[in-house]
C-alpha atoms as a PDB file:
ATOM      1  CA  MET A   1     -42.937 -65.257  44.391  1.00  0.00           C
ATOM      2  CA  ASN A   2     -44.324 -64.733  40.894  1.00  0.00           C
ATOM      3  CA  ASP A   3     -46.915 -62.320  42.311  1.00  0.00           C
ATOM      4  CA  ALA A   4     -44.258 -59.931  43.574  1.00  0.00           C
ATOM      5  CA  PRO A   5     -43.980 -56.687  41.582  1.00  0.00           C
ATOM      6  CA  TYR A   6     -40.216 -57.252  41.756  1.00  0.00           C
ATOM      7  CA  ALA A   7     -40.454 -60.973  40.919  1.00  0.00           C
ATOM      8  CA  SER A   8     -37.562 -61.119  38.447  1.00  0.00           C
ATOM      9  CA  THR A   9     -35.164 -59.436  40.896  1.00  0.00           C
ATOM     10  CA  LEU A  10     -36.258 -61.718  43.715  1.00  0.00           C
ATOM     11  CA  GLU A  11     -36.081 -64.896  41.642  1.00  0.00           C
ATOM     12  CA  ALA A  12     -32.552 -64.070  40.494  1.00  0.00           C
ATOM     13  CA  ALA A  13     -31.376 -63.641  44.079  1.00  0.00           C
ATOM     14  CA  VAL A  14     -33.118 -66.747  45.374  1.00  0.00           C
ATOM     15  CA  SER A  15     -31.910 -68.966  42.540  1.00  0.00           C
ATOM     16  CA  GLY A  16     -28.323 -67.988  43.326  1.00  0.00           C
ATOM     17  CA  ALA A  17     -28.563 -68.606  47.082  1.00  0.00           C
ATOM     18  CA  ARG A  18     -26.377 -71.299  48.675  1.00  0.00           C
ATOM     19  CA  ARG A  19     -27.798 -73.380  51.525  1.00  0.00           C
ATOM     20  CA  ARG A  20     -25.372 -74.338  54.297  1.00  0.00           C
ATOM     21  CA  HIS A  21     -25.497 -75.347  57.953  1.00  0.00           C
ATOM     22  CA  VAL A  22     -23.623 -74.914  61.215  1.00  0.00           C
ATOM     23  CA  ASP A  23     -23.969 -76.659  64.587  1.00  0.00           C
ATOM     24  CA  LEU A  24     -24.660 -74.259  67.453  1.00  0.00           C
ATOM     25  CA  LEU A  25     -26.086 -74.620  70.974  1.00  0.00           C
ATOM     26  CA  GLY A  26     -27.114 -78.205  70.319  1.00  0.00           C
ATOM     27  CA  VAL A  27     -28.908 -77.348  67.063  1.00  0.00           C
ATOM     28  CA  ARG A  28     -28.018 -77.923  63.408  1.00  0.00           C
ATOM     29  CA  VAL A  29     -28.786 -74.497  61.960  1.00  0.00           C
ATOM     30  CA  PRO A  30     -29.476 -74.077  58.246  1.00  0.00           C
ATOM     31  CA  TYR A  31     -28.573 -70.757  56.687  1.00  0.00           C
ATOM     32  CA  TRP A  32     -28.601 -69.190  53.254  1.00  0.00           C
ATOM     33  CA  VAL A  33     -25.955 -67.082  51.553  1.00  0.00           C
ATOM     34  CA  TYR A  34     -26.862 -64.517  48.894  1.00  0.00           C
ATOM     35  CA  GLY A  35     -24.477 -62.477  46.776  1.00  0.00           C
ATOM     36  CA  PRO A  36     -20.797 -62.974  45.938  1.00  0.00           C
ATOM     37  CA  GLU A  37     -18.488 -64.792  48.331  1.00  0.00           C
ATOM     38  CA  ASP A  38     -15.775 -62.187  47.748  1.00  0.00           C
ATOM     39  CA  ALA A  39     -18.026 -59.206  48.475  1.00  0.00           C
ATOM     40  CA  ALA A  40     -16.481 -56.254  50.244  1.00  0.00           C
ATOM     41  CA  ASP A  41     -19.425 -56.146  52.652  1.00  0.00           C
ATOM     42  CA  THR A  42     -21.131 -59.002  54.523  1.00  0.00           C
ATOM     43  CA  ILE A  43     -24.399 -58.640  56.405  1.00  0.00           C
ATOM     44  CA  VAL A  44     -25.777 -61.272  58.787  1.00  0.00           C
ATOM     45  CA  ALA A  45     -29.549 -60.773  58.962  1.00  0.00           C
ATOM     46  CA  PHE A  46     -32.090 -62.050  61.490  1.00  0.00           C
ATOM     47  CA  HIS A  47     -35.792 -62.202  60.680  1.00  0.00           C
ATOM     48  CA  GLY A  48     -38.834 -61.227  62.737  1.00  0.00           C
ATOM     49  CA  PHE A  49     -41.366 -63.080  64.864  1.00  0.00           C
ATOM     50  CA  ARG A  50     -43.207 -66.027  63.236  1.00  0.00           C
ATOM     51  CA  GLY A  51     -41.261 -65.601  60.019  1.00  0.00           C
ATOM     52  CA  ASP A  52     -38.133 -67.215  58.648  1.00  0.00           C
ATOM     53  CA  HIS A  53     -35.320 -66.236  56.280  1.00  0.00           C
ATOM     54  CA  HIS A  54     -37.715 -65.903  53.329  1.00  0.00           C
ATOM     55  CA  GLY A  55     -39.034 -62.634  54.729  1.00  0.00           C
ATOM     56  CA  LEU A  56     -35.758 -60.782  54.211  1.00  0.00           C
ATOM     57  CA  GLU A  57     -35.013 -62.232  50.770  1.00  0.00           C
ATOM     58  CA  PRO A  58     -36.542 -59.206  48.990  1.00  0.00           C
ATOM     59  CA  VAL A  59     -34.106 -56.874  50.762  1.00  0.00           C
ATOM     60  CA  ALA A  60     -31.172 -59.163  49.933  1.00  0.00           C
ATOM     61  CA  ALA A  61     -32.331 -59.225  46.313  1.00  0.00           C
ATOM     62  CA  PHE A  62     -31.855 -55.469  46.063  1.00  0.00           C
ATOM     63  CA  LEU A  63     -28.319 -55.619  47.480  1.00  0.00           C
ATOM     64  CA  PRO A  64     -26.283 -56.880  44.511  1.00  0.00           C
ATOM     65  CA  GLY A  65     -22.609 -57.055  45.340  1.00  0.00           C
ATOM     66  CA  VAL A  66     -23.277 -57.507  49.073  1.00  0.00           C
ATOM     67  CA  ARG A  67     -23.004 -60.918  50.725  1.00  0.00           C
ATOM     68  CA  VAL A  68     -26.071 -61.483  52.892  1.00  0.00           C
ATOM     69  CA  ILE A  69     -26.228 -64.448  55.292  1.00  0.00           C
ATOM     70  CA  MET A  70     -29.540 -65.423  56.878  1.00  0.00           C
ATOM     71  CA  PRO A  71     -30.448 -68.252  59.263  1.00  0.00           C
ATOM     72  CA  ASP A  72     -33.846 -69.299  60.525  1.00  0.00           C
ATOM     73  CA  LEU A  73     -34.149 -68.511  64.225  1.00  0.00           C
ATOM     74  CA  PRO A  74     -34.466 -71.580  66.510  1.00  0.00           C
ATOM     75  CA  GLY A  75     -37.982 -72.961  66.487  1.00  0.00           C
ATOM     76  CA  PHE A  76     -38.889 -71.279  63.192  1.00  0.00           C
ATOM     77  CA  GLY A  77     -38.537 -72.295  59.579  1.00  0.00           C
ATOM     78  CA  GLU A  78     -36.076 -75.167  59.259  1.00  0.00           C
ATOM     79  CA  THR A  79     -34.167 -74.599  62.513  1.00  0.00           C
ATOM     80  CA  PRO A  80     -35.213 -76.887  65.393  1.00  0.00           C
ATOM     81  CA  PRO A  81     -35.723 -75.506  68.889  1.00  0.00           C
ATOM     82  CA  MET A  82     -32.731 -75.204  71.193  1.00  0.00           C
ATOM     83  CA  PRO A  83     -32.748 -78.190  73.557  1.00  0.00           C
ATOM     84  CA  ASP A  84     -33.312 -77.857  77.287  1.00  0.00           C
ATOM     85  CA  ARG A  85     -33.807 -74.109  77.451  1.00  0.00           C
ATOM     86  CA  ALA A  86     -36.578 -71.559  77.272  1.00  0.00           C
ATOM     87  CA  HIS A  87     -36.781 -69.608  74.042  1.00  0.00           C
ATOM     88  CA  ASP A  88     -36.601 -66.247  75.735  1.00  0.00           C
ATOM     89  CA  LEU A  89     -34.664 -63.168  74.687  1.00  0.00           C
ATOM     90  CA  ASP A  90     -31.459 -64.290  76.408  1.00  0.00           C
ATOM     91  CA  ALA A  91     -31.533 -67.545  74.453  1.00  0.00           C
ATOM     92  CA  TYR A  92     -32.136 -65.838  71.109  1.00  0.00           C
ATOM     93  CA  ALA A  93     -29.458 -63.232  71.808  1.00  0.00           C
ATOM     94  CA  ALA A  94     -26.971 -66.006  72.656  1.00  0.00           C
ATOM     95  CA  PHE A  95     -27.913 -67.783  69.429  1.00  0.00           C
ATOM     96  CA  ALA A  96     -27.423 -64.645  67.327  1.00  0.00           C
ATOM     97  CA  ALA A  97     -24.030 -63.939  68.881  1.00  0.00           C
ATOM     98  CA  GLU A  98     -22.820 -67.521  68.425  1.00  0.00           C
ATOM     99  CA  PHE A  99     -24.065 -67.615  64.846  1.00  0.00           C
ATOM    100  CA  VAL A 100     -22.242 -64.430  63.840  1.00  0.00           C
ATOM    101  CA  ARG A 101     -19.028 -65.533  65.541  1.00  0.00           C
ATOM    102  CA  ALA A 102     -19.145 -68.954  63.871  1.00  0.00           C
ATOM    103  CA  VAL A 103     -20.199 -67.989  60.361  1.00  0.00           C
ATOM    104  CA  ALA A 104     -19.122 -64.397  59.684  1.00  0.00           C
ATOM    105  CA  PRO A 105     -17.148 -62.752  62.498  1.00  0.00           C
ATOM    106  CA  GLY A 106     -16.811 -59.033  61.951  1.00  0.00           C
ATOM    107  CA  ALA A 107     -19.886 -58.827  59.707  1.00  0.00           C
ATOM    108  CA  VAL A 108     -22.441 -56.048  59.762  1.00  0.00           C
ATOM    109  CA  VAL A 109     -25.499 -57.247  61.704  1.00  0.00           C
ATOM    110  CA  LEU A 110     -29.121 -56.635  60.672  1.00  0.00           C
ATOM    111  CA  GLY A 111     -32.341 -57.340  62.546  1.00  0.00           C
ATOM    112  CA  HIS A 112     -35.918 -56.911  61.414  1.00  0.00           C
ATOM    113  CA  SER A 113     -38.758 -56.380  63.932  1.00  0.00           C
ATOM    114  CA  PHE A 114     -38.255 -59.018  66.670  1.00  0.00           C
ATOM    115  CA  GLY A 115     -34.836 -59.557  65.119  1.00  0.00           C
ATOM    116  CA  SER A 116     -34.019 -55.937  65.971  1.00  0.00           C
ATOM    117  CA  ILE A 117     -34.512 -56.744  69.660  1.00  0.00           C
ATOM    118  CA  VAL A 118     -32.528 -59.980  69.358  1.00  0.00           C
ATOM    119  CA  VAL A 119     -29.461 -58.376  67.790  1.00  0.00           C
ATOM    120  CA  SER A 120     -29.573 -55.383  70.148  1.00  0.00           C
ATOM    121  CA  ALA A 121     -29.631 -57.730  73.130  1.00  0.00           C
ATOM    122  CA  ALA A 122     -26.766 -59.719  71.610  1.00  0.00           C
ATOM    123  CA  ILE A 123     -24.673 -56.565  71.250  1.00  0.00           C
ATOM    124  CA  ALA A 124     -25.453 -55.558  74.829  1.00  0.00           C
ATOM    125  CA  ALA A 125     -24.251 -59.011  75.890  1.00  0.00           C
ATOM    126  CA  GLY A 126     -20.929 -58.614  74.100  1.00  0.00           C
ATOM    127  CA  LEU A 127     -21.358 -59.306  70.381  1.00  0.00           C
ATOM    128  CA  ASP A 128     -18.944 -57.080  68.474  1.00  0.00           C
ATOM    129  CA  ALA A 129     -20.144 -55.696  65.142  1.00  0.00           C
ATOM    130  CA  PRO A 130     -18.722 -52.820  63.090  1.00  0.00           C
ATOM    131  CA  ARG A 131     -22.182 -51.576  62.108  1.00  0.00           C
ATOM    132  CA  LEU A 132     -25.789 -52.305  63.004  1.00  0.00           C
ATOM    133  CA  ILE A 133     -28.885 -52.124  60.793  1.00  0.00           C
ATOM    134  CA  LEU A 134     -32.393 -52.252  62.261  1.00  0.00           C
ATOM    135  CA  VAL A 135     -35.376 -52.510  59.890  1.00  0.00           C
ATOM    136  CA  ASN A 136     -38.791 -51.781  61.411  1.00  0.00           C
ATOM    137  CA  PRO A 137     -37.082 -51.696  64.817  1.00  0.00           C
ATOM    138  CA  ILE A 138     -39.190 -52.215  67.917  1.00  0.00           C
ATOM    139  CA  GLY A 139     -38.212 -48.844  69.281  1.00  0.00           C
ATOM    140  CA  ALA A 140     -40.727 -48.749  72.125  1.00  0.00           C
ATOM    141  CA  PRO A 141     -42.824 -51.287  74.056  1.00  0.00           C
ATOM    142  CA  ALA A 142     -45.240 -52.950  71.628  1.00  0.00           C
ATOM    143  CA  LEU A 143     -48.154 -52.625  74.047  1.00  0.00           C
ATOM    144  CA  SER A 144     -47.867 -48.832  73.837  1.00  0.00           C
ATOM    145  CA  GLY A 145     -47.896 -48.708  70.020  1.00  0.00           C
ATOM    146  CA  PRO A 146     -50.607 -47.144  67.817  1.00  0.00           C
ATOM    147  CA  ARG A 147     -52.520 -50.427  67.892  1.00  0.00           C
ATOM    148  CA  GLY A 148     -51.775 -51.473  71.437  1.00  0.00           C
ATOM    149  CA  ILE A 149     -55.253 -52.971  71.695  1.00  0.00           C
ATOM    150  CA  LEU A 150     -54.411 -55.379  68.866  1.00  0.00           C
ATOM    151  CA  THR A 151     -51.216 -56.332  70.665  1.00  0.00           C
ATOM    152  CA  ARG A 152     -53.257 -57.116  73.781  1.00  0.00           C
ATOM    153  CA  LEU A 153     -55.567 -59.274  71.666  1.00  0.00           C
ATOM    154  CA  ALA A 154     -52.480 -61.050  70.354  1.00  0.00           C
ATOM    155  CA  VAL A 155     -51.334 -61.661  73.939  1.00  0.00           C
ATOM    156  CA  PHE A 156     -54.665 -63.354  74.630  1.00  0.00           C
ATOM    157  CA  TYR A 157     -54.476 -65.306  71.359  1.00  0.00           C
ATOM    158  CA  TYR A 158     -51.055 -66.800  72.128  1.00  0.00           C
ATOM    159  CA  TRP A 159     -52.034 -67.437  75.735  1.00  0.00           C
ATOM    160  CA  LEU A 160     -55.140 -69.302  74.586  1.00  0.00           C
ATOM    161  CA  GLY A 161     -53.148 -71.277  72.017  1.00  0.00           C
ATOM    162  CA  ALA A 162     -50.839 -72.432  74.798  1.00  0.00           C
ATOM    163  CA  LYS A 163     -53.625 -73.289  77.259  1.00  0.00           C
ATOM    164  CA  LEU A 164     -55.974 -75.274  75.017  1.00  0.00           C
ATOM    165  CA  PRO A 165     -55.410 -79.001  74.436  1.00  0.00           C
ATOM    166  CA  ALA A 166     -52.354 -79.407  72.234  1.00  0.00           C
ATOM    167  CA  ARG A 167     -54.135 -80.375  69.024  1.00  0.00           C
ATOM    168  CA  VAL A 168     -56.748 -77.598  69.313  1.00  0.00           C
ATOM    169  CA  GLY A 169     -54.225 -74.989  70.431  1.00  0.00           C
ATOM    170  CA  THR A 170     -51.852 -75.752  67.571  1.00  0.00           C
ATOM    171  CA  TRP A 171     -54.748 -75.631  65.090  1.00  0.00           C
ATOM    172  CA  LEU A 172     -55.723 -72.217  66.418  1.00  0.00           C
ATOM    173  CA  LEU A 173     -52.190 -70.864  66.149  1.00  0.00           C
ATOM    174  CA  ARG A 174     -51.839 -72.137  62.559  1.00  0.00           C
ATOM    175  CA  ASN A 175     -55.367 -71.210  61.497  1.00  0.00           C
ATOM    176  CA  GLY A 176     -55.243 -69.777  57.992  1.00  0.00           C
ATOM    177  CA  LEU A 177     -58.059 -67.311  58.546  1.00  0.00           C
ATOM    178  CA  ILE A 178     -56.319 -65.782  61.561  1.00  0.00           C
ATOM    179  CA  VAL A 179     -53.036 -65.595  59.647  1.00  0.00           C
ATOM    180  CA  ARG A 180     -54.861 -63.726  56.880  1.00  0.00           C
ATOM    181  CA  VAL A 181     -56.353 -61.296  59.402  1.00  0.00           C
ATOM    182  CA  MET A 182     -52.824 -60.616  60.725  1.00  0.00           C
ATOM    183  CA  SER A 183     -51.603 -60.051  57.184  1.00  0.00           C
ATOM    184  CA  LEU A 184     -54.461 -57.679  56.368  1.00  0.00           C
ATOM    185  CA  ALA A 185     -53.747 -55.709  59.540  1.00  0.00           C
ATOM    186  CA  MET A 186     -50.113 -55.146  58.553  1.00  0.00           C
ATOM    187  CA  VAL A 187     -50.121 -54.568  54.788  1.00  0.00           C
ATOM    188  CA  LYS A 188     -50.525 -50.929  53.698  1.00  0.00           C
ATOM    189  CA  SER A 189     -50.062 -51.117  49.931  1.00  0.00           C
ATOM    190  CA  ARG A 190     -53.174 -50.720  47.790  1.00  0.00           C
ATOM    191  CA  ASP A 191     -51.475 -52.431  44.839  1.00  0.00           C
ATOM    192  CA  ALA A 192     -53.320 -55.704  44.182  1.00  0.00           C
ATOM    193  CA  ALA A 193     -50.218 -57.627  43.095  1.00  0.00           C
ATOM    194  CA  MET A 194     -48.284 -56.507  46.140  1.00  0.00           C
ATOM    195  CA  ARG A 195     -51.119 -57.456  48.474  1.00  0.00           C
ATOM    196  CA  ARG A 196     -51.383 -60.918  46.873  1.00  0.00           C
ATOM    197  CA  PHE A 197     -47.651 -61.402  47.306  1.00  0.00           C
ATOM    198  CA  VAL A 198     -47.659 -60.351  50.972  1.00  0.00           C
ATOM    199  CA  HIS A 199     -50.602 -62.607  51.785  1.00  0.00           C
ATOM    200  CA  ASP A 200     -49.000 -65.512  49.929  1.00  0.00           C
ATOM    201  CA  GLN A 201     -45.760 -65.082  51.883  1.00  0.00           C
ATOM    202  CA  HIS A 202     -47.609 -65.067  55.189  1.00  0.00           C
ATOM    203  CA  ASP A 203     -49.688 -68.082  54.139  1.00  0.00           C
ATOM    204  CA  ARG A 204     -46.506 -69.981  53.240  1.00  0.00           C
ATOM    205  CA  TYR A 205     -44.183 -69.069  56.077  1.00  0.00           C
ATOM    206  CA  PHE A 206     -46.088 -67.560  59.023  1.00  0.00           C
ATOM    207  CA  SER A 207     -47.008 -70.939  60.485  1.00  0.00           C
ATOM    208  CA  GLY A 208     -43.632 -72.622  60.166  1.00  0.00           C
ATOM    209  CA  PHE A 209     -42.964 -72.629  63.902  1.00  0.00           C
ATOM    210  CA  SER A 210     -41.897 -75.903  65.504  1.00  0.00           C
ATOM    211  CA  ASP A 211     -44.465 -76.059  68.305  1.00  0.00           C
ATOM    212  CA  ARG A 212     -46.786 -73.881  70.335  1.00  0.00           C
ATOM    213  CA  ASP A 213     -44.516 -73.676  73.390  1.00  0.00           C
ATOM    214  CA  VAL A 214     -41.659 -72.148  71.419  1.00  0.00           C
ATOM    215  CA  LEU A 215     -44.086 -69.789  69.695  1.00  0.00           C
ATOM    216  CA  ARG A 216     -45.506 -68.641  73.016  1.00  0.00           C
ATOM    217  CA  GLU A 217     -42.068 -68.078  74.555  1.00  0.00           C
ATOM    218  CA  ALA A 218     -40.836 -66.142  71.523  1.00  0.00           C
ATOM    219  CA  PHE A 219     -43.977 -64.016  71.490  1.00  0.00           C
ATOM    220  CA  VAL A 220     -43.569 -63.125  75.165  1.00  0.00           C
ATOM    221  CA  ALA A 221     -39.970 -62.119  74.438  1.00  0.00           C
ATOM    222  CA  SER A 222     -41.103 -59.980  71.499  1.00  0.00           C
ATOM    223  CA  VAL A 223     -43.634 -57.931  73.497  1.00  0.00           C
ATOM    224  CA  SER A 224     -41.658 -57.753  76.756  1.00  0.00           C
ATOM    225  CA  HIS A 225     -38.608 -55.964  75.337  1.00  0.00           C
ATOM    226  CA  ASP A 226     -37.634 -53.236  72.914  1.00  0.00           C
ATOM    227  CA  VAL A 227     -34.453 -51.869  71.359  1.00  0.00           C
ATOM    228  CA  GLY A 228     -34.467 -48.850  73.654  1.00  0.00           C
ATOM    229  CA  GLU A 229     -33.558 -51.075  76.614  1.00  0.00           C
ATOM    230  CA  PHE A 230     -30.192 -51.715  75.022  1.00  0.00           C
ATOM    231  CA  ALA A 231     -29.483 -48.242  73.613  1.00  0.00           C
ATOM    232  CA  PRO A 232     -26.649 -47.460  76.072  1.00  0.00           C
ATOM    233  CA  ALA A 233     -24.719 -50.506  74.826  1.00  0.00           C
ATOM    234  CA  ILE A 234     -25.137 -49.754  71.116  1.00  0.00           C
ATOM    235  CA  ARG A 235     -22.112 -47.603  70.411  1.00  0.00           C
ATOM    236  CA  MET A 236     -21.380 -48.544  66.774  1.00  0.00           C
ATOM    237  CA  PRO A 237     -22.773 -46.679  63.741  1.00  0.00           C
ATOM    238  CA  THR A 238     -26.418 -47.712  63.462  1.00  0.00           C
ATOM    239  CA  LEU A 239     -28.970 -47.404  60.678  1.00  0.00           C
ATOM    240  CA  LEU A 240     -32.668 -47.325  61.540  1.00  0.00           C
ATOM    241  CA  VAL A 241     -35.010 -47.993  58.611  1.00  0.00           C
ATOM    242  CA  ALA A 242     -38.449 -47.131  59.934  1.00  0.00           C
ATOM    243  CA  ALA A 243     -41.948 -46.699  58.497  1.00  0.00           C
ATOM    244  CA  ASP A 244     -44.216 -43.713  58.907  1.00  0.00           C
ATOM    245  CA  ARG A 245     -47.315 -45.952  59.214  1.00  0.00           C
ATOM    246  CA  ASP A 246     -45.967 -48.666  61.493  1.00  0.00           C
ATOM    247  CA  ASP A 247     -48.705 -49.902  63.817  1.00  0.00           C
ATOM    248  CA  ILE A 248     -46.249 -51.433  66.287  1.00  0.00           C
ATOM    249  CA  THR A 249     -43.761 -48.596  66.799  1.00  0.00           C
ATOM    250  CA  PRO A 250     -44.865 -45.061  65.847  1.00  0.00           C
ATOM    251  CA  ILE A 251     -42.387 -42.980  63.890  1.00  0.00           C
ATOM    252  CA  GLU A 252     -42.104 -40.543  66.826  1.00  0.00           C
ATOM    253  CA  ALA A 253     -40.721 -43.391  68.956  1.00  0.00           C
ATOM    254  CA  GLU A 254     -38.237 -44.274  66.204  1.00  0.00           C
ATOM    255  CA  ARG A 255     -37.029 -40.674  66.196  1.00  0.00           C
ATOM    256  CA  ALA A 256     -36.614 -40.842  69.951  1.00  0.00           C
ATOM    257  CA  LEU A 257     -34.641 -44.074  69.559  1.00  0.00           C
ATOM    258  CA  ARG A 258     -32.365 -42.396  67.028  1.00  0.00           C
ATOM    259  CA  ASP A 259     -31.704 -39.607  69.508  1.00  0.00           C
ATOM    260  CA  ALA A 260     -30.944 -42.154  72.254  1.00  0.00           C
ATOM    261  CA  LEU A 261     -28.219 -43.819  70.179  1.00  0.00           C
ATOM    262  CA  PRO A 262     -24.858 -42.066  69.972  1.00  0.00           C
ATOM    263  CA  ALA A 263     -24.186 -42.836  66.296  1.00  0.00           C
ATOM    264  CA  ALA A 264     -27.539 -43.463  64.633  1.00  0.00           C
ATOM    265  CA  ARG A 265     -29.015 -42.494  61.294  1.00  0.00           C
ATOM    266  CA  LEU A 266     -32.777 -42.748  60.704  1.00  0.00           C
ATOM    267  CA  VAL A 267     -34.299 -43.278  57.266  1.00  0.00           C
ATOM    268  CA  GLU A 268     -38.066 -42.849  57.245  1.00  0.00           C
ATOM    269  CA  VAL A 269     -39.894 -44.813  54.558  1.00  0.00           C
ATOM    270  CA  ALA A 270     -43.232 -43.280  53.599  1.00  0.00           C
ATOM    271  CA  GLY A 271     -46.500 -45.045  52.891  1.00  0.00           C
ATOM    272  CA  VAL A 272     -45.654 -48.334  54.543  1.00  0.00           C
ATOM    273  CA  GLY A 273     -46.102 -50.002  57.914  1.00  0.00           C
ATOM    274  CA  HIS A 274     -44.407 -52.959  59.570  1.00  0.00           C
ATOM    275  CA  LEU A 275     -43.669 -54.714  56.266  1.00  0.00           C
ATOM    276  CA  ILE A 276     -40.882 -52.601  54.781  1.00  0.00           C
ATOM    277  CA  HIS A 277     -39.098 -55.841  53.839  1.00  0.00           C
ATOM    278  CA  TYR A 278     -42.000 -56.854  51.570  1.00  0.00           C
ATOM    279  CA  GLU A 279     -43.556 -53.590  50.443  1.00  0.00           C
ATOM    280  CA  LYS A 280     -40.494 -51.327  50.151  1.00  0.00           C
ATOM    281  CA  PRO A 281     -37.406 -53.589  49.895  1.00  0.00           C
ATOM    282  CA  ALA A 282     -35.727 -51.427  47.246  1.00  0.00           C
ATOM    283  CA  GLU A 283     -35.979 -48.361  49.487  1.00  0.00           C
ATOM    284  CA  ALA A 284     -34.591 -50.308  52.446  1.00  0.00           C
ATOM    285  CA  ALA A 285     -31.729 -51.642  50.339  1.00  0.00           C
ATOM    286  CA  SER A 286     -30.933 -48.151  49.040  1.00  0.00           C
ATOM    287  CA  ALA A 287     -30.632 -46.875  52.603  1.00  0.00           C
ATOM    288  CA  ILE A 288     -28.417 -49.846  53.484  1.00  0.00           C
ATOM    289  CA  ARG A 289     -26.109 -49.295  50.513  1.00  0.00           C
ATOM    290  CA  SER A 290     -25.678 -45.632  51.445  1.00  0.00           C
ATOM    291  CA  PHE A 291     -24.970 -46.610  55.047  1.00  0.00           C
ATOM    292  CA  LEU A 292     -22.349 -49.161  54.053  1.00  0.00           C
ATOM    293  CA  ALA A 293     -20.690 -46.660  51.729  1.00  0.00           C
END
């Protein structure tokens, strides 16, 4: 955290966070609350694949006066897997809907990356939200993105991690060198402090999954779906915060997604890729504040 160029802002937000829990779908779910309890606006935010709530803390830090609530998705961070069910998109969408209804009904909903698919699927399945915010949304199939070949390599990587003997497969999936390669592939900033911070965050939190089976199932869900599938069901005002150098969804696909949604606004963040939440959190938060206003 101290390496972040915005360290003081981030530390202030994190130090004021309140940790709570709720029981849902057979799981005791920890979640964190940032900002004032009496805020006029509440956002429930869901993180991306392999991450946990820490990834969206920089965005929350730049939203003073807004209450932001963030859980760890089942099987990641501190939340155990959901018992007796596959961790596919239907399961994650059901979790997101139940979490919002239990903790902050009527809140604005936010999803980053894989979280953008999760919350879109939840809305299509009946979750009611006054507004929707999607950061680095998966606006088109990941396999067709600018680095589709890397996505195919990732498919093989997660398949191999699931097929090898458990100890070897888990070691491969948590291998620090491979995590660093993933981090290097995503970060776009040339600022040394920012790059150190991004790599440190991935080193700390990118291997916090519960087990390789959950990781494999969540990965399959992340590359088998996109927000566009659910566009007809997304009728509420929607903010898309997208990057012009995103290697997973090109900006042209994000523009097409905006046009497919009846009430969408697109903010394009320049000079960044799939890590808006780390590299450009102030810009994301500014777009969110304008959207809420």
